[in-house]
Amino acid sequence: MPLSASAENSDLEARIQQLEKALQTMQQQRAEQDKQVELLTKELVGIENQVSQSKITRSEEKGSSKGSPIYGAFKDGLVFEDGTGNWKLQLNGRIQTDYRTYQPDEWKNDTFSIRRARFGGTFSFLKDFAVRVEGEYANDNTGAKGTTALTYGYLDFNRWPAAKIRVGQFKPFFGLERPQSTNFTDFTELSLATNNGSIFTSTYDRGVMVFGDPLPWLNYNAYIVNGTAQNVDDVRDSKDIGGRINANFASFTENKDLVLHVGASASTGSIGFSTSAGNSIAQSTEGSGVQFFNVANISSALTSDRDRLGLETALAYGPVKVQAEYINANFEGKRGPTAAGIAFDNDIKVWYADLNWLVTGESYADTYKSGVFGRLKPKNNFDTKDGWGAFELGLRYSKFDASDFKSLLPAATATTAFSSEASSWTAGAKWIMNPNSRLVLNYIQTEFEDDIRINGKLDDTEKAIVLRAQYDF
């Protein structure tokens, strides 16, 4: 036993000596590593000092920066602003490229088209003021040439949210569809009731408008404009005076997914001659198709009055939305080259109703503000992982009734014949990849009360397919 214990102690001492040598070796290695770290740190500090000195030298050469810093961000546009809130510049743009195909073939050519290409900006300054300027390139109504024009060019005074003031060229708000940005309409084009033509001669006009939200659930606007359309000064002393009031009664509930919108619009003025030579009352189909109604040679010797009254409503709950409008426009004037022409006092009655469903479950209430529906943000943007964006399906019926003017339509010829009534069905599918990008496919079928003749081809139906790719910011 004593010999066994002695051997065991000897082994333990040898093991301790071995561990002590290993520890000493590790400490020496650690000391060398610390020296290397210290050398690298000094070298890094030296490099940083050289970079800093280089910046100082360049600053001295070019001059030092003074004043408040400028911040940049991308939120519904490219935004630059200072930290004090004294000014902000928001750049905006859009591109809408279409492919359109029509039946009958003789009426209109299939074509690729630039529907809208815009760039502009809004400059806000001194907290209460804003200036917006925007230009547009687009194909003209016939598709024969491109056009460039000023769309927005106005000054806002925003001191009071309940009574903002806008002066310049802008979009007068009438009805529910027309105040919407063309980026966010339910279909590629507005309905027969609200698109430019007989009742509305232009999207933009020049004048002054007061608008705002006096209550969280109430919105209004009142305006006086030339009534002569976009980029045109008045050729008459008469002006268009109009306004719109609307309310969202869902604000009285606690349901954030609900919109109960009702509103009314009215205006009084003249037909809106853009030249002293007179004008016509005309209408084309929804898909930028053929012109099926035209009462020409309206006398310029006397002012031709136009009074409009519109009613609007929208019910949205979660991913489902139903909306409709009715507009009655009364025209009073004379047709003919002189004041002794044929007098008329006729109405045009139009309406539409549409149903839309966000298949992916987004809520329309999230897009509603100040009496209009706006930008939709998908639950999941389209990407390379599991996001597919938002999908929307829609169906619309619209009606155009100018039967009061039927006797004033030109007599049919071998090449042209018009109709005073039309109805249109539009079926749409929309893929919203992210808040700024979308693809839209529409099928539009328009039926005419009487056969119309275009380029010698007689038919009672136009069929159109429109495919649009869009990006906006």
Foldseek 3Di string as FASTA:
>chain_A
DVVVVVVVVVVVVVVVVVVVVVVVVVVVVVVVVVVVVVVVVVVVVVVVVVVVVVVVVVCVVVDHDDDFDWDWDDDLFTKIDGPVQFKMKGKKWKWKWKFKDKPPCLFADTDIWTAWTKIWMWMDGRNFKIWIWMKIWTQPLRNPDIDIATQDTWMWGHPDQAWIKIFFKYFADAAFQLVADCVDGPANFDAQQDGDFQQHPERMFGWMKIWHPPDQFKTKMWIKTLLQYGPADHPDPKIKTKMKIKGFPCVVPPALLKTKMKMKMKIKTFSHHRDLQDFWGWGDHGVSGHIFDIQDQFESQDTKMKIKMKIKTKIWGWFKIKIKMKMKMWIWGAHDHYRPHHTDTFIKIKMKMKMKGWPQGGGQSVQDDNSYGYFDFFPFADDPPPGQAIKMKMKMKMKIARVSCVVSTDDDDQAWDHARIKMKIKIKMKGDRGRFWIKIKIKMKMFGPAWIGHRRDTDGIMIMIMIMTMGMD
